[in-house]
Full PDB file with SEQRES, HELIX, SHEET, SSBOND, CRYST1, ORIGX, SCALE, CONECT and MASTER records, all heavy atoms in Angstrom:
SEQRES   1 A   33  ILE HIS HIS PHE PRO ARG LYS ALA GLY THR SER LYS TYR          
SEQRES   2 A   33  GLY ILE SER LYS ARG LEU ILE GLY THR PRO ILE ASP CYS          
SEQRES   3 A   33  PHE ILE TYR LEU TRP ILE LYS                                  
HELIX    1 AA1 ILE A   15  SER A   16  1                                   2    
HELIX    2 AA2 LYS A   17  GLY A   21  3                                   5    
HELIX    3 AA3 THR A   22  ILE A   32  1                                  11    
CRYST1    1.000    1.000    1.000  90.00  90.00  90.00 P 1           1          
ORIGX1      1.000000  0.000000  0.000000        0.00000                         
ORIGX2      0.000000  1.000000  0.000000        0.00000                         
ORIGX3      0.000000  0.000000  1.000000        0.00000                         
SCALE1      1.000000  0.000000  0.000000        0.00000                         
SCALE2      0.000000  1.000000  0.000000        0.00000                         
SCALE3      0.000000  0.000000  1.000000        0.00000                         
ATOM      1  N   ILE A   1       6.173  26.277 104.916  1.00  0.00           N  
ATOM      2  CA  ILE A   1       7.396  26.248 105.719  1.00  0.00           C  
ATOM      3  C   ILE A   1       8.457  27.148 105.091  1.00  0.00           C  
ATOM      4  O   ILE A   1       8.313  27.621 103.964  1.00  0.00           O  
ATOM      5  CB  ILE A   1       7.951  24.814 105.854  1.00  0.00           C  
ATOM      6  CG1 ILE A   1       8.332  24.262 104.482  1.00  0.00           C  
ATOM      7  CG2 ILE A   1       6.972  23.903 106.568  1.00  0.00           C  
ATOM      8  CD1 ILE A   1       9.255  23.077 104.529  1.00  0.00           C  
ATOM      9  N   HIS A   2       9.546  27.348 105.827  1.00  0.00           N  
ATOM     10  CA  HIS A   2      10.674  28.125 105.330  1.00  0.00           C  
ATOM     11  C   HIS A   2      11.546  27.281 104.402  1.00  0.00           C  
ATOM     12  O   HIS A   2      11.600  26.053 104.530  1.00  0.00           O  
ATOM     13  CB  HIS A   2      11.523  28.630 106.505  1.00  0.00           C  
ATOM     14  CG  HIS A   2      10.779  29.497 107.460  1.00  0.00           C  
ATOM     15  ND1 HIS A   2      10.102  28.981 108.556  1.00  0.00           N  
ATOM     16  CD2 HIS A   2      10.586  30.838 107.495  1.00  0.00           C  
ATOM     17  CE1 HIS A   2       9.536  29.966 109.225  1.00  0.00           C  
ATOM     18  NE2 HIS A   2       9.800  31.097 108.607  1.00  0.00           N  
ATOM     19  N   HIS A   3      12.243  27.954 103.494  1.00  0.00           N  
ATOM     20  CA  HIS A   3      13.176  27.271 102.601  1.00  0.00           C  
ATOM     21  C   HIS A   3      14.399  28.162 102.418  1.00  0.00           C  
ATOM     22  O   HIS A   3      14.288  29.389 102.358  1.00  0.00           O  
ATOM     23  CB  HIS A   3      12.518  26.971 101.246  1.00  0.00           C  
ATOM     24  CG  HIS A   3      13.295  26.026 100.399  1.00  0.00           C  
ATOM     25  ND1 HIS A   3      13.932  26.397  99.240  1.00  0.00           N  
ATOM     26  CD2 HIS A   3      13.562  24.700 100.555  1.00  0.00           C  
ATOM     27  CE1 HIS A   3      14.531  25.347  98.710  1.00  0.00           C  
ATOM     28  NE2 HIS A   3      14.334  24.311  99.494  1.00  0.00           N  
ATOM     29  N   PHE A   4      15.574  27.527 102.337  1.00  0.00           N  
ATOM     30  CA  PHE A   4      16.830  28.260 102.320  1.00  0.00           C  
ATOM     31  C   PHE A   4      17.721  27.774 101.183  1.00  0.00           C  
ATOM     32  O   PHE A   4      17.605  26.626 100.731  1.00  0.00           O  
ATOM     33  CB  PHE A   4      17.572  28.053 103.651  1.00  0.00           C  
ATOM     34  CG  PHE A   4      16.733  28.352 104.859  1.00  0.00           C  
ATOM     35  CD1 PHE A   4      16.008  27.349 105.498  1.00  0.00           C  
ATOM     36  CD2 PHE A   4      16.658  29.642 105.355  1.00  0.00           C  
ATOM     37  CE1 PHE A   4      15.234  27.622 106.611  1.00  0.00           C  
ATOM     38  CE2 PHE A   4      15.876  29.930 106.465  1.00  0.00           C  
ATOM     39  CZ  PHE A   4      15.164  28.921 107.090  1.00  0.00           C  
ATOM     40  N   PRO A   5      18.656  28.616 100.727  1.00  0.00           N  
ATOM     41  CA  PRO A   5      19.632  28.162  99.720  1.00  0.00           C  
ATOM     42  C   PRO A   5      20.553  27.098 100.307  1.00  0.00           C  
ATOM     43  O   PRO A   5      20.807  27.085 101.520  1.00  0.00           O  
ATOM     44  CB  PRO A   5      20.419  29.436  99.388  1.00  0.00           C  
ATOM     45  CG  PRO A   5      19.601  30.569  99.911  1.00  0.00           C  
ATOM     46  CD  PRO A   5      18.836  30.034 101.080  1.00  0.00           C  
ATOM     47  N   ARG A   6      21.028  26.202  99.464  1.00  0.00           N  
ATOM     48  CA  ARG A   6      22.022  25.220  99.923  1.00  0.00           C  
ATOM     49  C   ARG A   6      23.337  25.946 100.195  1.00  0.00           C  
ATOM     50  O   ARG A   6      23.852  26.658  99.337  1.00  0.00           O  
ATOM     51  CB  ARG A   6      22.222  24.138  98.853  1.00  0.00           C  
ATOM     52  CG  ARG A   6      23.268  23.101  99.242  1.00  0.00           C  
ATOM     53  CD  ARG A   6      23.537  22.141  98.088  1.00  0.00           C  
ATOM     54  NE  ARG A   6      22.777  20.918  98.185  1.00  0.00           N  
ATOM     55  CZ  ARG A   6      23.162  19.833  98.836  1.00  0.00           C  
ATOM     56  NH1 ARG A   6      24.317  19.838  99.491  1.00  0.00           N  
ATOM     57  NH2 ARG A   6      22.425  18.753  98.850  1.00  0.00           N  
ATOM     58  N   LYS A   7      23.898  25.731 101.409  1.00  0.00           N  
ATOM     59  CA  LYS A   7      25.130  26.398 101.800  1.00  0.00           C  
ATOM     60  C   LYS A   7      26.380  25.579 101.507  1.00  0.00           C  
ATOM     61  O   LYS A   7      27.469  26.133 101.370  1.00  0.00           O  
ATOM     62  CB  LYS A   7      25.081  26.740 103.301  1.00  0.00           C  
ATOM     63  CG  LYS A   7      24.076  27.816 103.655  1.00  0.00           C  
ATOM     64  CD  LYS A   7      24.174  28.182 105.123  1.00  0.00           C  
ATOM     65  CE  LYS A   7      23.206  29.303 105.478  1.00  0.00           C  
ATOM     66  NZ  LYS A   7      23.297  29.680 106.914  1.00  0.00           N  
ATOM     67  N   ALA A   8      26.251  24.262 101.467  1.00  0.00           N  
ATOM     68  CA  ALA A   8      27.425  23.404 101.279  1.00  0.00           C  
ATOM     69  C   ALA A   8      27.020  22.154 100.513  1.00  0.00           C  
ATOM     70  O   ALA A   8      25.858  21.742 100.525  1.00  0.00           O  
ATOM     71  CB  ALA A   8      28.035  23.024 102.622  1.00  0.00           C  
ATOM     72  N   GLY A   9      28.011  21.539  99.848  1.00  0.00           N  
ATOM     73  CA  GLY A   9      27.741  20.326  99.098  1.00  0.00           C  
ATOM     74  C   GLY A   9      26.994  20.614  97.801  1.00  0.00           C  
ATOM     75  O   GLY A   9      26.728  21.761  97.440  1.00  0.00           O  
ATOM     76  N   THR A  10      26.635  19.550  97.094  1.00  0.00           N  
ATOM     77  CA  THR A  10      25.943  19.672  95.811  1.00  0.00           C  
ATOM     78  C   THR A  10      24.716  18.767  95.797  1.00  0.00           C  
ATOM     79  O   THR A  10      24.677  17.738  96.467  1.00  0.00           O  
ATOM     80  CB  THR A  10      26.863  19.276  94.641  1.00  0.00           C  
ATOM     81  OG1 THR A  10      27.333  17.933  94.834  1.00  0.00           O  
ATOM     82  CG2 THR A  10      28.052  20.224  94.547  1.00  0.00           C  
ATOM     83  N   SER A  11      23.724  19.157  95.007  1.00  0.00           N  
ATOM     84  CA  SER A  11      22.508  18.369  94.902  1.00  0.00           C  
ATOM     85  C   SER A  11      22.802  17.027  94.246  1.00  0.00           C  
ATOM     86  O   SER A  11      23.576  16.938  93.292  1.00  0.00           O  
ATOM     87  CB  SER A  11      21.467  19.138  94.076  1.00  0.00           C  
ATOM     88  OG  SER A  11      20.327  18.338  93.853  1.00  0.00           O  
ATOM     89  N   LYS A  12      22.185  15.965  94.760  1.00  0.00           N  
ATOM     90  CA  LYS A  12      22.365  14.623  94.187  1.00  0.00           C  
ATOM     91  C   LYS A  12      21.175  14.224  93.312  1.00  0.00           C  
ATOM     92  O   LYS A  12      21.105  13.101  92.838  1.00  0.00           O  
ATOM     93  CB  LYS A  12      22.509  13.584  95.322  1.00  0.00           C  
ATOM     94  CG  LYS A  12      23.465  13.981  96.436  1.00  0.00           C  
ATOM     95  CD  LYS A  12      24.854  14.306  95.943  1.00  0.00           C  
ATOM     96  CE  LYS A  12      25.831  14.573  97.074  1.00  0.00           C  
ATOM     97  NZ  LYS A  12      25.484  15.701  97.933  1.00  0.00           N  
ATOM     98  N   TYR A  13      20.256  15.168  93.102  1.00  0.00           N  
ATOM     99  CA  TYR A  13      19.006  14.853  92.411  1.00  0.00           C  
ATOM    100  C   TYR A  13      18.898  15.756  91.195  1.00  0.00           C  
ATOM    101  O   TYR A  13      18.507  16.910  91.302  1.00  0.00           O  
ATOM    102  CB  TYR A  13      17.834  15.069  93.362  1.00  0.00           C  
ATOM    103  CG  TYR A  13      16.499  14.557  92.876  1.00  0.00           C  
ATOM    104  CD1 TYR A  13      16.406  13.404  92.108  1.00  0.00           C  
ATOM    105  CD2 TYR A  13      15.332  15.226  93.209  1.00  0.00           C  
ATOM    106  CE1 TYR A  13      15.177  12.939  91.676  1.00  0.00           C  
ATOM    107  CE2 TYR A  13      14.094  14.766  92.783  1.00  0.00           C  
ATOM    108  CZ  TYR A  13      14.031  13.615  92.012  1.00  0.00           C  
ATOM    109  OH  TYR A  13      12.816  13.159  91.587  1.00  0.00           O  
ATOM    110  N   GLY A  14      19.255  15.249  90.005  1.00  0.00           N  
ATOM    111  CA  GLY A  14      19.346  16.056  88.802  1.00  0.00           C  
ATOM    112  C   GLY A  14      18.004  16.376  88.167  1.00  0.00           C  
ATOM    113  O   GLY A  14      16.989  15.766  88.448  1.00  0.00           O  
ATOM    114  N   ILE A  15      18.019  17.365  87.268  1.00  0.00           N  
ATOM    115  CA  ILE A  15      16.825  17.794  86.555  1.00  0.00           C  
ATOM    116  C   ILE A  15      16.262  16.652  85.705  1.00  0.00           C  
ATOM    117  O   ILE A  15      15.047  16.442  85.640  1.00  0.00           O  
ATOM    118  CB  ILE A  15      17.151  19.005  85.646  1.00  0.00           C  
ATOM    119  CG1 ILE A  15      17.727  20.162  86.481  1.00  0.00           C  
ATOM    120  CG2 ILE A  15      15.907  19.444  84.894  1.00  0.00           C  
ATOM    121  CD1 ILE A  15      16.817  20.689  87.539  1.00  0.00           C  
ATOM    122  N   SER A  16      17.142  15.878  85.078  1.00  0.00           N  
ATOM    123  CA  SER A  16      16.680  14.803  84.187  1.00  0.00           C  
ATOM    124  C   SER A  16      15.879  13.757  84.944  1.00  0.00           C  
ATOM    125  O   SER A  16      14.912  13.190  84.422  1.00  0.00           O  
ATOM    126  CB  SER A  16      17.880  14.143  83.495  1.00  0.00           C  
ATOM    127  OG  SER A  16      18.762  13.573  84.451  1.00  0.00           O  
ATOM    128  N   LYS A  17      16.240  13.484  86.207  1.00  0.00           N  
ATOM    129  CA  LYS A  17      15.502  12.495  86.998  1.00  0.00           C  
ATOM    130  C   LYS A  17      14.082  12.960  87.272  1.00  0.00           C  
ATOM    131  O   LYS A  17      13.150  12.167  87.322  1.00  0.00           O  
ATOM    132  CB  LYS A  17      16.240  12.211  88.309  1.00  0.00           C  
ATOM    133  CG  LYS A  17      17.532  11.430  88.130  1.00  0.00           C  
ATOM    134  CD  LYS A  17      18.156  11.098  89.468  1.00  0.00           C  
ATOM    135  CE  LYS A  17      19.428  10.283  89.296  1.00  0.00           C  
ATOM    136  NZ  LYS A  17      20.053   9.962  90.601  1.00  0.00           N  
ATOM    137  N   ARG A  18      13.923  14.282  87.464  1.00  0.00           N  
ATOM    138  CA  ARG A  18      12.580  14.804  87.705  1.00  0.00           C  
ATOM    139  C   ARG A  18      11.707  14.673  86.459  1.00  0.00           C  
ATOM    140  O   ARG A  18      10.550  14.271  86.536  1.00  0.00           O  
ATOM    141  CB  ARG A  18      12.668  16.280  88.118  1.00  0.00           C  
ATOM    142  CG  ARG A  18      13.151  16.505  89.530  1.00  0.00           C  
ATOM    143  CD  ARG A  18      13.054  17.987  89.895  1.00  0.00           C  
ATOM    144  NE  ARG A  18      13.405  18.204  91.292  1.00  0.00           N  
ATOM    145  CZ  ARG A  18      14.633  18.416  91.721  1.00  0.00           C  
ATOM    146  NH1 ARG A  18      15.623  18.421  90.855  1.00  0.00           N  
ATOM    147  NH2 ARG A  18      14.877  18.596  93.001  1.00  0.00           N  
ATOM    148  N   LEU A  19      12.269  15.029  85.316  1.00  0.00           N  
ATOM    149  CA  LEU A  19      11.469  15.095  84.104  1.00  0.00           C  
ATOM    150  C   LEU A  19      11.285  13.740  83.432  1.00  0.00           C  
ATOM    151  O   LEU A  19      10.264  13.491  82.792  1.00  0.00           O  
ATOM    152  CB  LEU A  19      12.109  16.085  83.118  1.00  0.00           C  
ATOM    153  CG  LEU A  19      12.157  17.542  83.604  1.00  0.00           C  
ATOM    154  CD1 LEU A  19      12.790  18.429  82.551  1.00  0.00           C  
ATOM    155  CD2 LEU A  19      10.759  18.040  83.953  1.00  0.00           C  
ATOM    156  N   ILE A  20      12.267  12.856  83.560  1.00  0.00           N  
ATOM    157  CA  ILE A  20      12.172  11.533  82.936  1.00  0.00           C  
ATOM    158  C   ILE A  20      11.601  10.508  83.907  1.00  0.00           C  
ATOM    159  O   ILE A  20      10.734   9.710  83.556  1.00  0.00           O  
ATOM    160  CB  ILE A  20      13.564  11.074  82.427  1.00  0.00           C  
ATOM    161  CG1 ILE A  20      14.069  12.045  81.339  1.00  0.00           C  
ATOM    162  CG2 ILE A  20      13.491   9.653  81.887  1.00  0.00           C  
ATOM    163  CD1 ILE A  20      15.485  11.773  80.902  1.00  0.00           C  
ATOM    164  N   GLY A  21      12.088  10.545  85.162  1.00  0.00           N  
ATOM    165  CA  GLY A  21      11.670   9.533  86.123  1.00  0.00           C  
ATOM    166  C   GLY A  21      10.217   9.645  86.533  1.00  0.00           C  
ATOM    167  O   GLY A  21       9.530   8.631  86.722  1.00  0.00           O  
ATOM    168  N   THR A  22       9.704  10.871  86.649  1.00  0.00           N  
ATOM    169  CA  THR A  22       8.340  11.060  87.142  1.00  0.00           C  
ATOM    170  C   THR A  22       7.279  10.380  86.275  1.00  0.00           C  
ATOM    171  O   THR A  22       6.425   9.655  86.799  1.00  0.00           O  
ATOM    172  CB  THR A  22       8.024  12.555  87.315  1.00  0.00           C  
ATOM    173  OG1 THR A  22       8.906  13.105  88.299  1.00  0.00           O  
ATOM    174  CG2 THR A  22       6.592  12.761  87.765  1.00  0.00           C  
ATOM    175  N   PRO A  23       7.259  10.585  84.925  1.00  0.00           N  
ATOM    176  CA  PRO A  23       6.222   9.914  84.121  1.00  0.00           C  
ATOM    177  C   PRO A  23       6.293   8.391  84.215  1.00  0.00           C  
ATOM    178  O   PRO A  23       5.255   7.716  84.278  1.00  0.00           O  
ATOM    179  CB  PRO A  23       6.534  10.394  82.689  1.00  0.00           C  
ATOM    180  CG  PRO A  23       7.269  11.669  82.871  1.00  0.00           C  
ATOM    181  CD  PRO A  23       8.083  11.494  84.107  1.00  0.00           C  
ATOM    182  N   ILE A  24       7.503   7.838  84.241  1.00  0.00           N  
ATOM    183  CA  ILE A  24       7.650   6.380  84.343  1.00  0.00           C  
ATOM    184  C   ILE A  24       7.091   5.894  85.677  1.00  0.00           C  
ATOM    185  O   ILE A  24       6.332   4.924  85.748  1.00  0.00           O  
ATOM    186  CB  ILE A  24       9.133   5.987  84.209  1.00  0.00           C  
ATOM    187  CG1 ILE A  24       9.640   6.340  82.806  1.00  0.00           C  
ATOM    188  CG2 ILE A  24       9.325   4.491  84.487  1.00  0.00           C  
ATOM    189  CD1 ILE A  24      11.139   6.176  82.640  1.00  0.00           C  
ATOM    190  N   ASP A  25       7.453   6.583  86.747  1.00  0.00           N  
ATOM    191  CA  ASP A  25       6.979   6.195  88.078  1.00  0.00           C  
ATOM    192  C   ASP A  25       5.471   6.352  88.210  1.00  0.00           C  
ATOM    193  O   ASP A  25       4.836   5.629  88.990  1.00  0.00           O  
ATOM    194  CB  ASP A  25       7.685   7.021  89.151  1.00  0.00           C  
ATOM    195  CG  ASP A  25       9.163   6.699  89.260  1.00  0.00           C  
ATOM    196  OD1 ASP A  25       9.568   5.609  88.805  1.00  0.00           O  
ATOM    197  OD2 ASP A  25       9.916   7.532  89.799  1.00  0.00           O  
ATOM    198  N   CYS A  26       4.886   7.292  87.470  1.00  0.00           N  
ATOM    199  CA  CYS A  26       3.437   7.474  87.514  1.00  0.00           C  
ATOM    200  C   CYS A  26       2.707   6.216  87.047  1.00  0.00           C  
ATOM    201  O   CYS A  26       1.680   5.827  87.612  1.00  0.00           O  
ATOM    202  CB  CYS A  26       3.024   8.667  86.650  1.00  0.00           C  
ATOM    203  SG  CYS A  26       3.291  10.273  87.436  1.00  0.00           S  
ATOM    204  N   PHE A  27       3.235   5.574  86.015  1.00  0.00           N  
ATOM    205  CA  PHE A  27       2.604   4.343  85.528  1.00  0.00           C  
ATOM    206  C   PHE A  27       2.764   3.215  86.547  1.00  0.00           C  
ATOM    207  O   PHE A  27       1.860   2.379  86.701  1.00  0.00           O  
ATOM    208  CB  PHE A  27       3.192   3.947  84.176  1.00  0.00           C  
ATOM    209  CG  PHE A  27       2.719   4.807  83.041  1.00  0.00           C  
ATOM    210  CD1 PHE A  27       3.536   5.774  82.488  1.00  0.00           C  
ATOM    211  CD2 PHE A  27       1.424   4.667  82.542  1.00  0.00           C  
ATOM    212  CE1 PHE A  27       3.094   6.581  81.450  1.00  0.00           C  
ATOM    213  CE2 PHE A  27       0.965   5.461  81.498  1.00  0.00           C  
ATOM    214  CZ  PHE A  27       1.808   6.426  80.953  1.00  0.00           C  
ATOM    215  N   ILE A  28       3.903   3.177  87.228  1.00  0.00           N  
ATOM    216  CA  ILE A  28       4.088   2.184  88.288  1.00  0.00           C  
ATOM    217  C   ILE A  28       3.070   2.417  89.392  1.00  0.00           C  
ATOM    218  O   ILE A  28       2.459   1.467  89.906  1.00  0.00           O  
ATOM    219  CB  ILE A  28       5.524   2.251  88.852  1.00  0.00           C  
ATOM    220  CG1 ILE A  28       6.539   1.896  87.759  1.00  0.00           C  
ATOM    221  CG2 ILE A  28       5.677   1.308  90.048  1.00  0.00           C  
ATOM    222  CD1 ILE A  28       7.979   2.090  88.182  1.00  0.00           C  
ATOM    223  N   TYR A  29       2.885   3.692  89.768  1.00  0.00           N  
ATOM    224  CA  TYR A  29       1.904   4.018  90.801  1.00  0.00           C  
ATOM    225  C   TYR A  29       0.499   3.578  90.390  1.00  0.00           C  
ATOM    226  O   TYR A  29      -0.252   3.020  91.214  1.00  0.00           O  
ATOM    227  CB  TYR A  29       1.907   5.522  91.091  1.00  0.00           C  
ATOM    228  CG  TYR A  29       0.688   5.954  91.860  1.00  0.00           C  
ATOM    229  CD1 TYR A  29       0.576   5.706  93.227  1.00  0.00           C  
ATOM    230  CD2 TYR A  29      -0.389   6.557  91.211  1.00  0.00           C  
ATOM    231  CE1 TYR A  29      -0.563   6.057  93.920  1.00  0.00           C  
ATOM    232  CE2 TYR A  29      -1.534   6.913  91.903  1.00  0.00           C  
ATOM    233  CZ  TYR A  29      -1.612   6.663  93.254  1.00  0.00           C  
ATOM    234  OH  TYR A  29      -2.751   7.000  93.932  1.00  0.00           O  
ATOM    235  N   LEU A  30       0.124   3.815  89.138  1.00  0.00           N  
ATOM    236  CA  LEU A  30      -1.216   3.422  88.680  1.00  0.00           C  
ATOM    237  C   LEU A  30      -1.404   1.913  88.775  1.00  0.00           C  
ATOM    238  O   LEU A  30      -2.489   1.433  89.122  1.00  0.00           O  
ATOM    239  CB  LEU A  30      -1.441   3.895  87.244  1.00  0.00           C  
ATOM    240  CG  LEU A  30      -1.636   5.400  87.041  1.00  0.00           C  
ATOM    241  CD1 LEU A  30      -1.855   5.707  85.567  1.00  0.00           C  
ATOM    242  CD2 LEU A  30      -2.798   5.929  87.876  1.00  0.00           C  
ATOM    243  N   TRP A  31      -0.351   1.157  88.464  1.00  0.00           N  
ATOM    244  CA  TRP A  31      -0.433  -0.303  88.577  1.00  0.00           C  
ATOM    245  C   TRP A  31      -0.620  -0.706  90.040  1.00  0.00           C  
ATOM    246  O   TRP A  31      -1.457  -1.553  90.359  1.00  0.00           O  
ATOM    247  CB  TRP A  31       0.827  -0.940  88.007  1.00  0.00           C  
ATOM    248  CG  TRP A  31       0.780  -2.433  88.014  1.00  0.00           C  
ATOM    249  CD1 TRP A  31       0.262  -3.261  87.052  1.00  0.00           C  
ATOM    250  CD2 TRP A  31       1.274  -3.312  89.047  1.00  0.00           C  
ATOM    251  NE1 TRP A  31       0.398  -4.580  87.426  1.00  0.00           N  
ATOM    252  CE2 TRP A  31       1.012  -4.645  88.646  1.00  0.00           C  
ATOM    253  CE3 TRP A  31       1.910  -3.088  90.273  1.00  0.00           C  
ATOM    254  CZ2 TRP A  31       1.363  -5.743  89.420  1.00  0.00           C  
ATOM    255  CZ3 TRP A  31       2.261  -4.190  91.052  1.00  0.00           C  
ATOM    256  CH2 TRP A  31       1.991  -5.493  90.615  1.00  0.00           C  
ATOM    257  N   ILE A  32       0.150  -0.070  90.931  1.00  0.00           N  
ATOM    258  CA  ILE A  32       0.018  -0.372  92.366  1.00  0.00           C  
ATOM    259  C   ILE A  32      -1.370   0.000  92.863  1.00  0.00           C  
ATOM    260  O   ILE A  32      -1.993  -0.746  93.632  1.00  0.00           O  
ATOM    261  CB  ILE A  32       1.111   0.370  93.161  1.00  0.00           C  
ATOM    262  CG1 ILE A  32       2.476  -0.268  92.890  1.00  0.00           C  
ATOM    263  CG2 ILE A  32       0.809   0.365  94.659  1.00  0.00           C  
ATOM    264  CD1 ILE A  32       3.636   0.480  93.509  1.00  0.00           C  
ATOM    265  N   LYS A  33      -1.870   1.144  92.443  1.00  0.00           N  
ATOM    266  CA  LYS A  33      -3.200   1.580  92.868  1.00  0.00           C  
ATOM    267  C   LYS A  33      -4.258   0.566  92.467  1.00  0.00           C  
ATOM    268  O   LYS A  33      -5.185   0.265  93.230  1.00  0.00           O  
ATOM    269  CB  LYS A  33      -3.527   2.940  92.255  1.00  0.00           C  
ATOM    270  CG  LYS A  33      -4.885   3.490  92.668  1.00  0.00           C  
ATOM    271  CD  LYS A  33      -5.135   4.850  92.029  1.00  0.00           C  
ATOM    272  CE  LYS A  33      -6.504   5.392  92.437  1.00  0.00           C  
ATOM    273  NZ  LYS A  33      -6.777   6.710  91.811  1.00  0.00           N  
TER     274      LYS A  33                                                      
MASTER        0    0    0    3    0    0    0    6  273    1    0    3          
END                                                                             
């Protein structure tokens, strides 16, 4: 699909959430699986 630069406002999803939150959530997913 197409993707565009953000024209207004600011991102609410920080870099730290991607790098820290993902490994923790992976273990939660494995438990659910």
